[in-house]
């Protein structure tokens, strides 16, 4: 009698990315407020003012914050951007 055996191999892959922030913030002249201020990544600034990253990007698209876009597409948010500038989104 012929018996067929089927073997299923399942694997799980994990990846961990650790991002650390330098001790000193980046200071750049903001094009909107024309002041040299500390600049934060969008995720850092969202954490500082209590938004989720998704909410932060919605507000950036709505023009609520001063920002500079780097050549790689990443954003730096001006420290002078205030949470009271939030427009139209309930948080």
PDB file of N, CA and C in Angstrom:
ATOM      1  N   UNK A   1       0.829  -1.173   0.000  1.00  0.00           N
ATOM      2  CA  UNK A   1       0.000   0.000   0.000  1.00  0.00           C
ATOM      3  C   UNK A   1       0.885   1.252   0.000  1.00  0.00           C
ATOM      4  N   UNK A   2       0.583   2.207  -0.885  1.00  0.00           N
ATOM      5  CA  UNK A   2       1.325   3.469  -0.957  1.00  0.00           C
ATOM      6  C   UNK A   2       0.720   4.493   0.008  1.00  0.00           C
ATOM      7  N   UNK A   3       1.580   5.104   0.808  1.00  0.00           N
ATOM      8  CA  UNK A   3       1.119   6.201   1.661  1.00  0.00           C
ATOM      9  C   UNK A   3       1.866   7.465   1.259  1.00  0.00           C
ATOM     10  N   UNK A   4       1.146   8.560   1.186  1.00  0.00           N
ATOM     11  CA  UNK A   4       1.752   9.829   0.842  1.00  0.00           C
ATOM     12  C   UNK A   4       1.882  10.662   2.109  1.00  0.00           C
ATOM     13  N   UNK A   5       3.016  11.275   2.223  1.00  0.00           N
ATOM     14  CA  UNK A   5       3.273  12.125   3.380  1.00  0.00           C
ATOM     15  C   UNK A   5       3.446  13.561   2.900  1.00  0.00           C
ATOM     16  N   UNK A   6       2.761  14.464   3.525  1.00  0.00           N
ATOM     17  CA  UNK A   6       2.891  15.880   3.192  1.00  0.00           C
ATOM     18  C   UNK A   6       3.506  16.577   4.397  1.00  0.00           C
ATOM     19  N   UNK A   7       4.556  17.322   4.126  1.00  0.00           N
ATOM     20  CA  UNK A   7       5.230  18.053   5.188  1.00  0.00           C
ATOM     21  C   UNK A   7       5.031  19.550   4.935  1.00  0.00           C
ATOM     22  N   UNK A   8       4.581  20.264   5.940  1.00  0.00           N
ATOM     23  CA  UNK A   8       4.413  21.703   5.855  1.00  0.00           C
ATOM     24  C   UNK A   8       5.441  22.350   6.766  1.00  0.00           C
ATOM     25  N   UNK A   9       6.198  23.267   6.206  1.00  0.00           N
ATOM     26  CA  UNK A   9       7.200  23.983   6.994  1.00  0.00           C
ATOM     27  C   UNK A   9       6.722  25.425   7.128  1.00  0.00           C
ATOM     28  N   UNK A  10       6.622  25.877   8.353  1.00  0.00           N
ATOM     29  CA  UNK A  10       6.201  27.243   8.640  1.00  0.00           C
ATOM     30  C   UNK A  10       7.318  27.928   9.398  1.00  0.00           C
ATOM     31  N   UNK A  11       7.589  29.169   9.014  1.00  0.00           N
ATOM     32  CA  UNK A  11       8.605  29.910   9.756  1.00  0.00           C
ATOM     33  C   UNK A  11       8.098  31.321  10.027  1.00  0.00           C
ATOM     34  N   UNK A  12       8.650  31.900  11.037  1.00  0.00           N
ATOM     35  CA  UNK A  12       8.277  33.235  11.448  1.00  0.00           C
ATOM     36  C   UNK A  12       9.549  34.067  11.533  1.00  0.00           C
ATOM     37  N   UNK A  13       9.514  35.249  10.940  1.00  0.00           N
ATOM     38  CA  UNK A  13      10.692  36.124  10.962  1.00  0.00           C
ATOM     39  C   UNK A  13      10.376  37.365  11.784  1.00  0.00           C
ATOM     40  N   UNK A  14      11.327  37.787  12.557  1.00  0.00           N
ATOM     41  CA  UNK A  14      11.184  38.986  13.391  1.00  0.00           C
ATOM     42  C   UNK A  14      12.270  39.960  13.023  1.00  0.00           C
ATOM     43  N   UNK A  15      11.920  41.219  13.050  1.00  0.00           N
ATOM     44  CA  UNK A  15      12.904  42.259  12.798  1.00  0.00           C
ATOM     45  C   UNK A  15      12.698  43.354  13.831  1.00  0.00           C
ATOM     46  N   UNK A  16      13.768  43.836  14.406  1.00  0.00           N
ATOM     47  CA  UNK A  16      13.687  44.904  15.382  1.00  0.00           C
ATOM     48  C   UNK A  16      14.536  46.060  14.886  1.00  0.00           C
ATOM     49  N   UNK A  17      13.942  47.231  14.853  1.00  0.00           N
ATOM     50  CA  UNK A  17      14.664  48.429  14.462  1.00  0.00           C
ATOM     51  C   UNK A  17      14.701  49.360  15.665  1.00  0.00           C
ATOM     52  N   UNK A  18      15.881  49.770  16.026  1.00  0.00           N
ATOM     53  CA  UNK A  18      16.043  50.680  17.153  1.00  0.00           C
ATOM     54  C   UNK A  18      16.509  52.019  16.601  1.00  0.00           C
ATOM     55  N   UNK A  19      15.731  53.042  16.900  1.00  0.00           N
ATOM     56  CA  UNK A  19      16.080  54.379  16.458  1.00  0.00           C
ATOM     57  C   UNK A  19      16.380  55.205  17.696  1.00  0.00           C
ATOM     58  N   UNK A  20      17.543  55.792  17.720  1.00  0.00           N
ATOM     59  CA  UNK A  20      17.887  56.649  18.842  1.00  0.00           C
ATOM     60  C   UNK A  20      18.027  58.075  18.356  1.00  0.00           C
ATOM     61  N   UNK A  21      17.701  58.972  19.218  1.00  0.00           N
ATOM     62  CA  UNK A  21      17.772  60.385  18.888  1.00  0.00           C
ATOM     63  C   UNK A  21      19.048  60.937  19.481  1.00  0.00           C
ATOM     64  N   UNK A  22      19.703  61.803  18.743  1.00  0.00           N
ATOM     65  CA  UNK A  22      20.901  62.422  19.282  1.00  0.00           C
ATOM     66  C   UNK A  22      20.530  63.303  20.464  1.00  0.00           C
ATOM     67  N   UNK A  23      21.471  63.571  21.331  1.00  0.00           N
ATOM     68  CA  UNK A  23      21.186  64.341  22.526  1.00  0.00           C
ATOM     69  C   UNK A  23      20.852  65.793  22.200  1.00  0.00           C
ATOM     70  N   UNK A  24      21.356  66.298  21.104  1.00  0.00           N
ATOM     71  CA  UNK A  24      21.101  67.681  20.720  1.00  0.00           C
ATOM     72  C   UNK A  24      20.142  67.720  19.529  1.00  0.00           C
ATOM     73  N   UNK A  25      19.057  68.508  19.608  1.00  0.00           N
ATOM     74  CA  UNK A  25      18.171  68.623  18.445  1.00  0.00           C
ATOM     75  C   UNK A  25      18.853  69.389  17.319  1.00  0.00           C
ATOM     76  N   UNK A  26      18.363  69.178  16.123  1.00  0.00           N
ATOM     77  CA  UNK A  26      18.874  69.877  14.953  1.00  0.00           C
ATOM     78  C   UNK A  26      18.332  71.304  14.986  1.00  0.00           C
ATOM     79  N   UNK A  27      19.179  72.287  14.769  1.00  0.00           N
ATOM     80  CA  UNK A  27      18.742  73.683  14.712  1.00  0.00           C
ATOM     81  C   UNK A  27      18.892  74.186  13.282  1.00  0.00           C
ATOM     82  N   UNK A  28      17.770  74.603  12.706  1.00  0.00           N
ATOM     83  CA  UNK A  28      17.725  75.087  11.334  1.00  0.00           C
ATOM     84  C   UNK A  28      16.846  76.332  11.312  1.00  0.00           C
ATOM     85  N   UNK A  29      17.085  77.214  10.371  1.00  0.00           N
ATOM     86  CA  UNK A  29      16.221  78.373  10.207  1.00  0.00           C
ATOM     87  C   UNK A  29      14.942  77.919   9.504  1.00  0.00           C
ATOM     88  N   UNK A  30      13.822  78.151  10.159  1.00  0.00           N
ATOM     89  CA  UNK A  30      12.516  77.783   9.595  1.00  0.00           C
ATOM     90  C   UNK A  30      12.153  78.794   8.519  1.00  0.00           C
ATOM     91  N   UNK A  31      11.694  78.321   7.386  1.00  0.00           N
ATOM     92  CA  UNK A  31      11.325  79.195   6.286  1.00  0.00           C
ATOM     93  C   UNK A  31      10.070  80.010   6.546  1.00  0.00           C
ATOM     94  N   UNK A  32       9.191  79.546   7.440  1.00  0.00           N
ATOM     95  CA  UNK A  32       7.952  80.270   7.702  1.00  0.00           C
ATOM     96  C   UNK A  32       8.087  81.301   8.817  1.00  0.00           C
ATOM     97  N   UNK A  33       8.667  80.907   9.944  1.00  0.00           N
ATOM     98  CA  UNK A  33       8.786  81.868  11.047  1.00  0.00           C
ATOM     99  C   UNK A  33      10.121  82.607  11.017  1.00  0.00           C
ATOM    100  N   UNK A  34      10.991  82.224  10.102  1.00  0.00           N
ATOM    101  CA  UNK A  34      12.285  82.853   9.886  1.00  0.00           C
ATOM    102  C   UNK A  34      13.121  82.961  11.168  1.00  0.00           C
ATOM    103  N   UNK A  35      13.010  81.955  12.006  1.00  0.00           N
ATOM    104  CA  UNK A  35      13.794  81.900  13.240  1.00  0.00           C
ATOM    105  C   UNK A  35      14.596  80.612  13.249  1.00  0.00           C
ATOM    106  N   UNK A  36      15.763  80.661  13.864  1.00  0.00           N
ATOM    107  CA  UNK A  36      16.541  79.434  14.027  1.00  0.00           C
ATOM    108  C   UNK A  36      15.976  78.702  15.231  1.00  0.00           C
ATOM    109  N   UNK A  37      15.402  77.543  14.994  1.00  0.00           N
ATOM    110  CA  UNK A  37      14.746  76.789  16.059  1.00  0.00           C
ATOM    111  C   UNK A  37      15.152  75.335  16.010  1.00  0.00           C
ATOM    112  N   UNK A  38      14.815  74.626  17.073  1.00  0.00           N
ATOM    113  CA  UNK A  38      15.003  73.174  17.096  1.00  0.00           C
ATOM    114  C   UNK A  38      13.986  72.561  16.148  1.00  0.00           C
ATOM    115  N   UNK A  39      14.417  71.558  15.412  1.00  0.00           N
ATOM    116  CA  UNK A  39      13.546  70.862  14.472  1.00  0.00           C
ATOM    117  C   UNK A  39      13.441  69.407  14.906  1.00  0.00           C
ATOM    118  N   UNK A  40      12.238  68.863  14.823  1.00  0.00           N
ATOM    119  CA  UNK A  40      11.960  67.495  15.257  1.00  0.00           C
ATOM    120  C   UNK A  40      11.396  66.700  14.098  1.00  0.00           C
ATOM    121  N   UNK A  41      11.604  65.389  14.105  1.00  0.00           N
ATOM    122  CA  UNK A  41      10.939  64.550  13.115  1.00  0.00           C
ATOM    123  C   UNK A  41       9.447  64.598  13.397  1.00  0.00           C
ATOM    124  N   UNK A  42       8.650  64.243  12.417  1.00  0.00           N
ATOM    125  CA  UNK A  42       7.197  64.276  12.586  1.00  0.00           C
ATOM    126  C   UNK A  42       6.759  63.349  13.727  1.00  0.00           C
ATOM    127  N   UNK A  43       7.375  62.180  13.828  1.00  0.00           N
ATOM    128  CA  UNK A  43       7.006  61.244  14.898  1.00  0.00           C
ATOM    129  C   UNK A  43       7.396  61.782  16.267  1.00  0.00           C
ATOM    130  N   UNK A  44       8.562  62.405  16.367  1.00  0.00           N
ATOM    131  CA  UNK A  44       8.980  62.993  17.644  1.00  0.00           C
ATOM    132  C   UNK A  44       8.032  64.111  18.054  1.00  0.00           C
ATOM    133  N   UNK A  45       7.703  64.985  17.102  1.00  0.00           N
ATOM    134  CA  UNK A  45       6.834  66.114  17.415  1.00  0.00           C
ATOM    135  C   UNK A  45       5.442  65.628  17.784  1.00  0.00           C
ATOM    136  N   UNK A  46       4.947  64.599  17.088  1.00  0.00           N
ATOM    137  CA  UNK A  46       3.638  64.026  17.415  1.00  0.00           C
ATOM    138  C   UNK A  46       3.624  63.520  18.854  1.00  0.00           C
ATOM    139  N   UNK A  47       4.691  62.827  19.243  1.00  0.00           N
ATOM    140  CA  UNK A  47       4.780  62.314  20.613  1.00  0.00           C
ATOM    141  C   UNK A  47       4.820  63.466  21.617  1.00  0.00           C
ATOM    142  N   UNK A  48       5.530  64.543  21.289  1.00  0.00           N
ATOM    143  CA  UNK A  48       5.639  65.686  22.194  1.00  0.00           C
ATOM    144  C   UNK A  48       4.305  66.367  22.453  1.00  0.00           C
ATOM    145  N   UNK A  49       3.465  66.451  21.422  1.00  0.00           N
ATOM    146  CA  UNK A  49       2.198  67.161  21.596  1.00  0.00           C
ATOM    147  C   UNK A  49       0.996  66.229  21.761  1.00  0.00           C
ATOM    148  N   UNK A  50       1.258  64.927  21.817  1.00  0.00           N
ATOM    149  CA  UNK A  50       0.191  63.970  22.127  1.00  0.00           C
ATOM    150  C   UNK A  50      -0.681  63.556  20.961  1.00  0.00           C
ATOM    151  N   UNK A  51      -0.131  63.519  19.767  1.00  0.00           N
ATOM    152  CA  UNK A  51      -0.861  63.027  18.601  1.00  0.00           C
ATOM    153  C   UNK A  51      -0.308  61.682  18.169  1.00  0.00           C
ATOM    154  N   UNK A  52      -1.105  60.942  17.426  1.00  0.00           N
ATOM    155  CA  UNK A  52      -0.574  59.747  16.782  1.00  0.00           C
ATOM    156  C   UNK A  52       0.176  60.209  15.534  1.00  0.00           C
ATOM    157  N   UNK A  53       1.102  59.403  15.028  1.00  0.00           N
ATOM    158  CA  UNK A  53       1.786  59.799  13.793  1.00  0.00           C
ATOM    159  C   UNK A  53       0.810  60.074  12.646  1.00  0.00           C
ATOM    160  N   UNK A  54      -0.253  59.287  12.543  1.00  0.00           N
ATOM    161  CA  UNK A  54      -1.236  59.498  11.469  1.00  0.00           C
ATOM    162  C   UNK A  54      -1.914  60.853  11.612  1.00  0.00           C
ATOM    163  N   UNK A  55      -2.323  61.205  12.837  1.00  0.00           N
ATOM    164  CA  UNK A  55      -2.940  62.509  13.073  1.00  0.00           C
ATOM    165  C   UNK A  55      -1.957  63.629  12.735  1.00  0.00           C
ATOM    166  N   UNK A  56      -0.699  63.413  13.079  1.00  0.00           N
ATOM    167  CA  UNK A  56       0.329  64.420  12.813  1.00  0.00           C
ATOM    168  C   UNK A  56       0.460  64.667  11.321  1.00  0.00           C
ATOM    169  N   UNK A  57       0.532  63.606  10.529  1.00  0.00           N
ATOM    170  CA  UNK A  57       0.674  63.777   9.089  1.00  0.00           C
ATOM    171  C   UNK A  57      -0.558  64.432   8.471  1.00  0.00           C
ATOM    172  N   UNK A  58      -1.745  64.147   9.001  1.00  0.00           N
ATOM    173  CA  UNK A  58      -2.949  64.834   8.516  1.00  0.00           C
ATOM    174  C   UNK A  58      -2.833  66.334   8.758  1.00  0.00           C
ATOM    175  N   UNK A  59      -2.364  66.706   9.952  1.00  0.00           N
ATOM    176  CA  UNK A  59      -2.225  68.116  10.284  1.00  0.00           C
ATOM    177  C   UNK A  59      -1.140  68.791   9.437  1.00  0.00           C
ATOM    178  N   UNK A  60      -0.072  68.073   9.147  1.00  0.00           N
ATOM    179  CA  UNK A  60       0.980  68.614   8.284  1.00  0.00           C
ATOM    180  C   UNK A  60       0.402  68.899   6.903  1.00  0.00           C
ATOM    181  N   UNK A  61      -0.359  67.940   6.351  1.00  0.00           N
ATOM    182  CA  UNK A  61      -0.972  68.124   5.040  1.00  0.00           C
ATOM    183  C   UNK A  61      -1.958  69.287   5.041  1.00  0.00           C
ATOM    184  N   UNK A  62      -2.594  69.551   6.187  1.00  0.00           N
ATOM    185  CA  UNK A  62      -3.546  70.654   6.299  1.00  0.00           C
ATOM    186  C   UNK A  62      -2.842  71.998   6.482  1.00  0.00           C
ATOM    187  N   UNK A  63      -1.514  71.976   6.644  1.00  0.00           N
ATOM    188  CA  UNK A  63      -0.759  73.216   6.784  1.00  0.00           C
ATOM    189  C   UNK A  63      -0.697  73.760   8.197  1.00  0.00           C
ATOM    190  N   UNK A  64      -0.954  72.913   9.197  1.00  0.00           N
ATOM    191  CA  UNK A  64      -1.006  73.376  10.581  1.00  0.00           C
ATOM    192  C   UNK A  64       0.369  73.598  11.203  1.00  0.00           C
ATOM    193  N   UNK A  65       1.425  73.055  10.608  1.00  0.00           N
ATOM    194  CA  UNK A  65       2.746  73.138  11.217  1.00  0.00           C
ATOM    195  C   UNK A  65       3.776  73.644  10.222  1.00  0.00           C
ATOM    196  N   UNK A  66       4.783  74.313  10.733  1.00  0.00           N
ATOM    197  CA  UNK A  66       5.929  74.701   9.914  1.00  0.00           C
ATOM    198  C   UNK A  66       6.786  73.453   9.735  1.00  0.00           C
ATOM    199  N   UNK A  67       7.252  73.196   8.528  1.00  0.00           N
ATOM    200  CA  UNK A  67       8.103  72.026   8.327  1.00  0.00           C
ATOM    201  C   UNK A  67       9.046  72.247   7.166  1.00  0.00           C
ATOM    202  N   UNK A  68      10.092  71.460   7.154  1.00  0.00           N
ATOM    203  CA  UNK A  68      11.052  71.424   6.060  1.00  0.00           C
ATOM    204  C   UNK A  68      11.100  69.980   5.580  1.00  0.00           C
ATOM    205  N   UNK A  69      11.015  69.780   4.272  1.00  0.00           N
ATOM    206  CA  UNK A  69      11.105  68.438   3.717  1.00  0.00           C
ATOM    207  C   UNK A  69      12.523  68.202   3.228  1.00  0.00           C
ATOM    208  N   UNK A  70      13.148  67.161   3.722  1.00  0.00           N
ATOM    209  CA  UNK A  70      14.505  66.810   3.308  1.00  0.00           C
ATOM    210  C   UNK A  70      14.489  66.168   1.928  1.00  0.00           C
ATOM    211  N   UNK A  71      15.651  66.064   1.313  1.00  0.00           N
ATOM    212  CA  UNK A  71      15.750  65.483  -0.024  1.00  0.00           C
ATOM    213  C   UNK A  71      15.304  64.020  -0.056  1.00  0.00           C
ATOM    214  N   UNK A  72      15.379  63.325   1.092  1.00  0.00           N
ATOM    215  CA  UNK A  72      14.937  61.927   1.136  1.00  0.00           C
ATOM    216  C   UNK A  72      13.446  61.794   1.440  1.00  0.00           C
ATOM    217  N   UNK A  73      12.734  62.922   1.540  1.00  0.00           N
ATOM    218  CA  UNK A  73      11.296  62.900   1.782  1.00  0.00           C
ATOM    219  C   UNK A  73      10.902  62.969   3.241  1.00  0.00           C
ATOM    220  N   UNK A  74      11.866  62.883   4.151  1.00  0.00           N
ATOM    221  CA  UNK A  74      11.535  62.974   5.576  1.00  0.00           C
ATOM    222  C   UNK A  74      11.272  64.429   5.942  1.00  0.00           C
ATOM    223  N   UNK A  75      10.510  64.617   7.011  1.00  0.00           N
ATOM    224  CA  UNK A  75      10.118  65.958   7.426  1.00  0.00           C
ATOM    225  C   UNK A  75      10.765  66.338   8.740  1.00  0.00           C
ATOM    226  N   UNK A  76      11.064  67.618   8.882  1.00  0.00           N
ATOM    227  CA  UNK A  76      11.487  68.186  10.156  1.00  0.00           C
ATOM    228  C   UNK A  76      10.480  69.268  10.507  1.00  0.00           C
ATOM    229  N   UNK A  77       9.912  69.174  11.718  1.00  0.00           N
ATOM    230  CA  UNK A  77       8.872  70.095  12.169  1.00  0.00           C
ATOM    231  C   UNK A  77       9.492  71.153  13.058  1.00  0.00           C
ATOM    232  N   UNK A  78       9.129  72.397  12.829  1.00  0.00           N
ATOM    233  CA  UNK A  78       9.642  73.537  13.580  1.00  0.00           C
ATOM    234  C   UNK A  78       9.113  73.515  15.012  1.00  0.00           C
ATOM    235  N   UNK A  79      10.003  73.753  15.962  1.00  0.00           N
ATOM    236  CA  UNK A  79       9.637  73.807  17.373  1.00  0.00           C
ATOM    237  C   UNK A  79       8.595  74.896  17.641  1.00  0.00           C
ATOM    238  N   UNK A  80       8.593  75.955  16.834  1.00  0.00           N
ATOM    239  CA  UNK A  80       7.640  77.043  17.021  1.00  0.00           C
ATOM    240  C   UNK A  80       6.233  76.698  16.559  1.00  0.00           C
ATOM    241  N   UNK A  81       6.054  75.560  15.893  1.00  0.00           N
ATOM    242  CA  UNK A  81       4.714  75.119  15.535  1.00  0.00           C
ATOM    243  C   UNK A  81       3.993  74.747  16.817  1.00  0.00           C
ATOM    244  N   UNK A  82       2.829  75.300  16.985  1.00  0.00           N
ATOM    245  CA  UNK A  82       2.124  75.151  18.254  1.00  0.00           C
ATOM    246  C   UNK A  82       0.960  74.191  18.127  1.00  0.00           C
ATOM    247  N   UNK A  83       0.696  73.395  19.162  1.00  0.00           N
ATOM    248  CA  UNK A  83      -0.461  72.495  19.108  1.00  0.00           C
ATOM    249  C   UNK A  83      -1.779  73.241  18.979  1.00  0.00           C
ATOM    250  N   UNK A  84      -1.832  74.513  19.378  1.00  0.00           N
ATOM    251  CA  UNK A  84      -3.093  75.246  19.245  1.00  0.00           C
ATOM    252  C   UNK A  84      -3.335  75.685  17.803  1.00  0.00           C
ATOM    253  N   UNK A  85      -2.426  75.342  16.886  1.00  0.00           N
ATOM    254  CA  UNK A  85      -2.627  75.624  15.480  1.00  0.00           C
ATOM    255  C   UNK A  85      -3.372  74.488  14.782  1.00  0.00           C
ATOM    256  N   UNK A  86      -3.753  73.451  15.520  1.00  0.00           N
ATOM    257  CA  UNK A  86      -4.437  72.315  14.910  1.00  0.00           C
ATOM    258  C   UNK A  86      -5.708  72.777  14.237  1.00  0.00           C
ATOM    259  N   UNK A  87      -5.949  72.262  13.037  1.00  0.00           N
ATOM    260  CA  UNK A  87      -7.108  72.706  12.268  1.00  0.00           C
ATOM    261  C   UNK A  87      -8.025  71.559  11.925  1.00  0.00           C
ATOM    262  N   UNK A  88      -9.259  71.666  12.321  1.00  0.00           N
ATOM    263  CA  UNK A  88     -10.310  70.801  11.827  1.00  0.00           C
ATOM    264  C   UNK A  88     -10.303  69.351  12.253  1.00  0.00           C
ATOM    265  N   UNK A  89      -9.457  68.894  13.093  1.00  0.00           N
ATOM    266  CA  UNK A  89      -9.469  67.488  13.474  1.00  0.00           C
ATOM    267  C   UNK A  89      -9.676  67.371  14.969  1.00  0.00           C
ATOM    268  N   UNK A  90     -10.642  66.555  15.340  1.00  0.00           N
ATOM    269  CA  UNK A  90     -10.861  66.285  16.757  1.00  0.00           C
ATOM    270  C   UNK A  90      -9.868  65.272  17.225  1.00  0.00           C
ATOM    271  N   UNK A  91      -9.230  65.570  18.305  1.00  0.00           N
ATOM    272  CA  UNK A  91      -8.177  64.694  18.824  1.00  0.00           C
ATOM    273  C   UNK A  91      -8.657  64.002  20.073  1.00  0.00           C
TER     274      UNK A  91
END
